Amino acid sequence: MLNPLLEFLLPTKVRQLFSEVEQLLKLLMTSPASSCEADRSFSTLRRLKTYLRNTTTQKRLN
């Protein structure tokens, strides 16, 4: 998926001249636009920890 987009953005001659720019474009295209995914994973982790704390029984503590 990345290669056709790169071919469109950077023709071969330009890619050869500006290899650093090509690397930067690859990094920018793969980085997330927001931190939403990280926030969701922390939220899920917090819910799991809360559940485990609330269901702690004597049997699990031993």
PDB file of N, CA and C in Angstrom:
ATOM      1  N   MET A   1       0.819  -1.187   0.000  1.00  0.00           N
ATOM      2  CA  MET A   1       0.000   0.000   0.000  1.00  0.00           C
ATOM      3  C   MET A   1       0.868   1.258   0.000  1.00  0.00           C
ATOM      4  N   LEU A   2       1.981   1.222   0.682  1.00  0.00           N
ATOM      5  CA  LEU A   2       2.841   2.390   0.768  1.00  0.00           C
ATOM      6  C   LEU A   2       3.555   2.676  -0.545  1.00  0.00           C
ATOM      7  N   ASN A   3       3.953   1.637  -1.252  1.00  0.00           N
ATOM      8  CA  ASN A   3       4.734   1.843  -2.464  1.00  0.00           C
ATOM      9  C   ASN A   3       3.991   2.610  -3.549  1.00  0.00           C
ATOM     10  N   PRO A   4       2.731   2.304  -3.867  1.00  0.00           N
ATOM     11  CA  PRO A   4       2.050   3.102  -4.891  1.00  0.00           C
ATOM     12  C   PRO A   4       1.918   4.570  -4.494  1.00  0.00           C
ATOM     13  N   LEU A   5       1.690   4.816  -3.224  1.00  0.00           N
ATOM     14  CA  LEU A   5       1.584   6.194  -2.761  1.00  0.00           C
ATOM     15  C   LEU A   5       2.922   6.906  -2.884  1.00  0.00           C
ATOM     16  N   LEU A   6       3.993   6.213  -2.528  1.00  0.00           N
ATOM     17  CA  LEU A   6       5.319   6.810  -2.672  1.00  0.00           C
ATOM     18  C   LEU A   6       5.665   7.052  -4.132  1.00  0.00           C
ATOM     19  N   GLU A   7       5.297   6.126  -5.003  1.00  0.00           N
ATOM     20  CA  GLU A   7       5.563   6.300  -6.434  1.00  0.00           C
ATOM     21  C   GLU A   7       4.826   7.517  -6.967  1.00  0.00           C
ATOM     22  N   PHE A   8       3.633   7.733  -6.453  1.00  0.00           N
ATOM     23  CA  PHE A   8       2.859   8.896  -6.883  1.00  0.00           C
ATOM     24  C   PHE A   8       3.486  10.186  -6.357  1.00  0.00           C
ATOM     25  N   LEU A   9       3.894  10.182  -5.096  1.00  0.00           N
ATOM     26  CA  LEU A   9       4.442  11.393  -4.491  1.00  0.00           C
ATOM     27  C   LEU A   9       5.864  11.696  -4.961  1.00  0.00           C
ATOM     28  N   LEU A  10       6.655  10.668  -5.121  1.00  0.00           N
ATOM     29  CA  LEU A  10       8.058  10.864  -5.470  1.00  0.00           C
ATOM     30  C   LEU A  10       8.448  10.007  -6.673  1.00  0.00           C
ATOM     31  N   PRO A  11       8.571  10.604  -7.834  1.00  0.00           N
ATOM     32  CA  PRO A  11       9.063   9.836  -8.983  1.00  0.00           C
ATOM     33  C   PRO A  11      10.475   9.308  -8.704  1.00  0.00           C
ATOM     34  N   THR A  12      10.902   8.346  -9.485  1.00  0.00           N
ATOM     35  CA  THR A  12      12.170   7.646  -9.241  1.00  0.00           C
ATOM     36  C   THR A  12      13.362   8.597  -9.193  1.00  0.00           C
ATOM     37  N   LYS A  13      13.446   9.540 -10.093  1.00  0.00           N
ATOM     38  CA  LYS A  13      14.593  10.454 -10.107  1.00  0.00           C
ATOM     39  C   LYS A  13      14.634  11.311  -8.833  1.00  0.00           C
ATOM     40  N   VAL A  14      13.494  11.754  -8.410  1.00  0.00           N
ATOM     41  CA  VAL A  14      13.444  12.566  -7.192  1.00  0.00           C
ATOM     42  C   VAL A  14      13.815  11.713  -5.989  1.00  0.00           C
ATOM     43  N   ARG A  15      13.364  10.466  -5.973  1.00  0.00           N
ATOM     44  CA  ARG A  15      13.685   9.559  -4.868  1.00  0.00           C
ATOM     45  C   ARG A  15      15.182   9.330  -4.769  1.00  0.00           C
ATOM     46  N   GLN A  16      15.847   9.234  -5.912  1.00  0.00           N
ATOM     47  CA  GLN A  16      17.290   9.025  -5.896  1.00  0.00           C
ATOM     48  C   GLN A  16      18.024  10.257  -5.376  1.00  0.00           C
ATOM     49  N   LEU A  17      17.528  11.427  -5.690  1.00  0.00           N
ATOM     50  CA  LEU A  17      18.182  12.655  -5.254  1.00  0.00           C
ATOM     51  C   LEU A  17      17.947  12.955  -3.778  1.00  0.00           C
ATOM     52  N   PHE A  18      16.758  12.615  -3.288  1.00  0.00           N
ATOM     53  CA  PHE A  18      16.385  12.974  -1.930  1.00  0.00           C
ATOM     54  C   PHE A  18      16.006  11.735  -1.119  1.00  0.00           C
ATOM     55  N   SER A  19      16.965  10.893  -0.850  1.00  0.00           N
ATOM     56  CA  SER A  19      16.663   9.662  -0.121  1.00  0.00           C
ATOM     57  C   SER A  19      16.226   9.952   1.315  1.00  0.00           C
ATOM     58  N   GLU A  20      16.766  11.011   1.918  1.00  0.00           N
ATOM     59  CA  GLU A  20      16.354  11.367   3.278  1.00  0.00           C
ATOM     60  C   GLU A  20      14.901  11.824   3.317  1.00  0.00           C
ATOM     61  N   VAL A  21      14.488  12.537   2.291  1.00  0.00           N
ATOM     62  CA  VAL A  21      13.102  12.987   2.215  1.00  0.00           C
ATOM     63  C   VAL A  21      12.173  11.780   2.080  1.00  0.00           C
ATOM     64  N   GLU A  22      12.611  10.800   1.319  1.00  0.00           N
ATOM     65  CA  GLU A  22      11.816   9.581   1.173  1.00  0.00           C
ATOM     66  C   GLU A  22      11.653   8.882   2.521  1.00  0.00           C
ATOM     67  N   GLN A  23      12.725   8.790   3.300  1.00  0.00           N
ATOM     68  CA  GLN A  23      12.651   8.170   4.618  1.00  0.00           C
ATOM     69  C   GLN A  23      11.717   8.954   5.531  1.00  0.00           C
ATOM     70  N   LEU A  24      11.793  10.266   5.466  1.00  0.00           N
ATOM     71  CA  LEU A  24      10.922  11.107   6.284  1.00  0.00           C
ATOM     72  C   LEU A  24       9.456  10.915   5.903  1.00  0.00           C
ATOM     73  N   LEU A  25       9.176  10.838   4.605  1.00  0.00           N
ATOM     74  CA  LEU A  25       7.801  10.608   4.160  1.00  0.00           C
ATOM     75  C   LEU A  25       7.280   9.249   4.626  1.00  0.00           C
ATOM     76  N   LYS A  26       8.124   8.241   4.591  1.00  0.00           N
ATOM     77  CA  LYS A  26       7.712   6.925   5.077  1.00  0.00           C
ATOM     78  C   LYS A  26       7.360   6.980   6.559  1.00  0.00           C
ATOM     79  N   LEU A  27       8.179   7.674   7.337  1.00  0.00           N
ATOM     80  CA  LEU A  27       7.906   7.807   8.766  1.00  0.00           C
ATOM     81  C   LEU A  27       6.620   8.580   9.024  1.00  0.00           C
ATOM     82  N   LEU A  28       6.412   9.644   8.293  1.00  0.00           N
ATOM     83  CA  LEU A  28       5.210  10.456   8.488  1.00  0.00           C
ATOM     84  C   LEU A  28       3.944   9.687   8.104  1.00  0.00           C
ATOM     85  N   MET A  29       4.029   8.857   7.079  1.00  0.00           N
ATOM     86  CA  MET A  29       2.850   8.110   6.634  1.00  0.00           C
ATOM     87  C   MET A  29       2.514   6.958   7.572  1.00  0.00           C
ATOM     88  N   THR A  30       3.480   6.483   8.337  1.00  0.00           N
ATOM     89  CA  THR A  30       3.203   5.362   9.233  1.00  0.00           C
ATOM     90  C   THR A  30       2.908   5.792  10.661  1.00  0.00           C
ATOM     91  N   SER A  31       3.193   7.049  10.999  1.00  0.00           N
ATOM     92  CA  SER A  31       2.924   7.500  12.367  1.00  0.00           C
ATOM     93  C   SER A  31       1.447   7.847  12.528  1.00  0.00           C
ATOM     94  N   PRO A  32       0.875   7.553  13.691  1.00  0.00           N
ATOM     95  CA  PRO A  32      -0.542   7.856  13.899  1.00  0.00           C
ATOM     96  C   PRO A  32      -0.781   9.360  13.960  1.00  0.00           C
ATOM     97  N   ALA A  33      -1.968   9.761  13.567  1.00  0.00           N
ATOM     98  CA  ALA A  33      -2.305  11.184  13.551  1.00  0.00           C
ATOM     99  C   ALA A  33      -2.685  11.686  14.934  1.00  0.00           C
ATOM    100  N   SER A  34      -3.089  10.777  15.805  1.00  0.00           N
ATOM    101  CA  SER A  34      -3.472  11.200  17.148  1.00  0.00           C
ATOM    102  C   SER A  34      -3.049  10.140  18.153  1.00  0.00           C
ATOM    103  N   SER A  35      -3.271  10.435  19.418  1.00  0.00           N
ATOM    104  CA  SER A  35      -2.917   9.488  20.471  1.00  0.00           C
ATOM    105  C   SER A  35      -4.133   8.700  20.934  1.00  0.00           C
ATOM    106  N   CYS A  36      -5.148   8.662  20.111  1.00  0.00           N
ATOM    107  CA  CYS A  36      -6.412   8.013  20.476  1.00  0.00           C
ATOM    108  C   CYS A  36      -6.210   6.529  20.788  1.00  0.00           C
ATOM    109  N   GLU A  37      -5.416   5.859  19.974  1.00  0.00           N
ATOM    110  CA  GLU A  37      -5.222   4.423  20.170  1.00  0.00           C
ATOM    111  C   GLU A  37      -4.514   4.142  21.501  1.00  0.00           C
ATOM    112  N   ALA A  38      -3.528   4.950  21.829  1.00  0.00           N
ATOM    113  CA  ALA A  38      -2.827   4.774  23.100  1.00  0.00           C
ATOM    114  C   ALA A  38      -3.767   5.046  24.278  1.00  0.00           C
ATOM    115  N   ASP A  39      -4.605   6.062  24.141  1.00  0.00           N
ATOM    116  CA  ASP A  39      -5.560   6.371  25.210  1.00  0.00           C
ATOM    117  C   ASP A  39      -6.531   5.223  25.428  1.00  0.00           C
ATOM    118  N   ARG A  40      -6.970   4.604  24.330  1.00  0.00           N
ATOM    119  CA  ARG A  40      -7.894   3.479  24.450  1.00  0.00           C
ATOM    120  C   ARG A  40      -7.244   2.299  25.152  1.00  0.00           C
ATOM    121  N   SER A  41      -5.985   2.039  24.844  1.00  0.00           N
ATOM    122  CA  SER A  41      -5.324   0.900  25.485  1.00  0.00           C
ATOM    123  C   SER A  41      -5.132   1.158  26.976  1.00  0.00           C
ATOM    124  N   PHE A  42      -4.815   2.400  27.354  1.00  0.00           N
ATOM    125  CA  PHE A  42      -4.692   2.712  28.774  1.00  0.00           C
ATOM    126  C   PHE A  42      -6.032   2.606  29.478  1.00  0.00           C
ATOM    127  N   SER A  43      -7.096   3.004  28.796  1.00  0.00           N
ATOM    128  CA  SER A  43      -8.426   2.912  29.370  1.00  0.00           C
ATOM    129  C   SER A  43      -8.808   1.455  29.604  1.00  0.00           C
ATOM    130  N   THR A  44      -8.483   0.608  28.640  1.00  0.00           N
ATOM    131  CA  THR A  44      -8.770  -0.818  28.775  1.00  0.00           C
ATOM    132  C   THR A  44      -7.970  -1.419  29.919  1.00  0.00           C
ATOM    133  N   LEU A  45      -6.721  -1.043  30.022  1.00  0.00           N
ATOM    134  CA  LEU A  45      -5.882  -1.536  31.107  1.00  0.00           C
ATOM    135  C   LEU A  45      -6.435  -1.090  32.455  1.00  0.00           C
ATOM    136  N   ARG A  46      -6.881   0.153  32.549  1.00  0.00           N
ATOM    137  CA  ARG A  46      -7.441   0.656  33.802  1.00  0.00           C
ATOM    138  C   ARG A  46      -8.702  -0.118  34.184  1.00  0.00           C
ATOM    139  N   ARG A  47      -9.568  -0.421  33.192  1.00  0.00           N
ATOM    140  CA  ARG A  47     -10.774  -1.197  33.491  1.00  0.00           C
ATOM    141  C   ARG A  47     -10.432  -2.605  33.957  1.00  0.00           C
ATOM    142  N   LEU A  48      -9.426  -3.216  33.355  1.00  0.00           N
ATOM    143  CA  LEU A  48      -9.006  -4.562  33.752  1.00  0.00           C
ATOM    144  C   LEU A  48      -8.470  -4.562  35.182  1.00  0.00           C
ATOM    145  N   LYS A  49      -7.629  -3.579  35.495  1.00  0.00           N
ATOM    146  CA  LYS A  49      -7.081  -3.507  36.850  1.00  0.00           C
ATOM    147  C   LYS A  49      -8.180  -3.268  37.874  1.00  0.00           C
ATOM    148  N   THR A  50      -9.131  -2.424  37.552  1.00  0.00           N
ATOM    149  CA  THR A  50     -10.244  -2.168  38.464  1.00  0.00           C
ATOM    150  C   THR A  50     -11.045  -3.444  38.691  1.00  0.00           C
ATOM    151  N   TYR A  51     -11.300  -4.183  37.620  1.00  0.00           N
ATOM    152  CA  TYR A  51     -12.041  -5.438  37.747  1.00  0.00           C
ATOM    153  C   TYR A  51     -11.279  -6.409  38.649  1.00  0.00           C
ATOM    154  N   LEU A  52      -9.978  -6.542  38.425  1.00  0.00           N
ATOM    155  CA  LEU A  52      -9.186  -7.479  39.225  1.00  0.00           C
ATOM    156  C   LEU A  52      -9.143  -7.069  40.695  1.00  0.00           C
ATOM    157  N   ARG A  53      -9.065  -5.780  40.946  1.00  0.00           N
ATOM    158  CA  ARG A  53      -9.072  -5.317  42.339  1.00  0.00           C
ATOM    159  C   ARG A  53     -10.415  -5.596  43.007  1.00  0.00           C
ATOM    160  N   ASN A  54     -11.489  -5.381  42.279  1.00  0.00           N
ATOM    161  CA  ASN A  54     -12.829  -5.558  42.847  1.00  0.00           C
ATOM    162  C   ASN A  54     -13.197  -7.020  43.054  1.00  0.00           C
ATOM    163  N   THR A  55     -12.566  -7.901  42.303  1.00  0.00           N
ATOM    164  CA  THR A  55     -12.902  -9.324  42.429  1.00  0.00           C
ATOM    165  C   THR A  55     -11.864 -10.087  43.235  1.00  0.00           C
ATOM    166  N   THR A  56     -11.023  -9.380  43.934  1.00  0.00           N
ATOM    167  CA  THR A  56     -10.012 -10.041  44.760  1.00  0.00           C
ATOM    168  C   THR A  56     -10.684 -10.779  45.892  1.00  0.00           C
ATOM    169  N   THR A  57     -10.433 -12.045  45.986  1.00  0.00           N
ATOM    170  CA  THR A  57     -10.997 -12.859  47.057  1.00  0.00           C
ATOM    171  C   THR A  57      -9.856 -13.486  47.843  1.00  0.00           C
ATOM    172  N   GLN A  58     -10.188 -14.103  48.937  1.00  0.00           N
ATOM    173  CA  GLN A  58      -9.188 -14.754  49.763  1.00  0.00           C
ATOM    174  C   GLN A  58      -8.511 -15.878  48.990  1.00  0.00           C
ATOM    175  N   LYS A  59      -9.275 -16.560  48.163  1.00  0.00           N
ATOM    176  CA  LYS A  59      -8.738 -17.662  47.372  1.00  0.00           C
ATOM    177  C   LYS A  59      -7.643 -17.177  46.420  1.00  0.00           C
ATOM    178  N   ARG A  60      -7.851 -16.027  45.797  1.00  0.00           N
ATOM    179  CA  ARG A  60      -6.856 -15.487  44.867  1.00  0.00           C
ATOM    180  C   ARG A  60      -5.640 -14.916  45.587  1.00  0.00           C
ATOM    181  N   LEU A  61      -5.836 -14.487  46.809  1.00  0.00           N
ATOM    182  CA  LEU A  61      -4.721 -13.904  47.567  1.00  0.00           C
ATOM    183  C   LEU A  61      -3.745 -14.973  48.065  1.00  0.00           C
ATOM    184  N   ASN A  62      -4.218 -16.180  48.261  1.00  0.00           N
ATOM    185  CA  ASN A  62      -3.359 -17.252  48.792  1.00  0.00           C
ATOM    186  C   ASN A  62      -2.516 -17.875  47.733  1.00  0.00           C
TER     187      ASN A  62
END
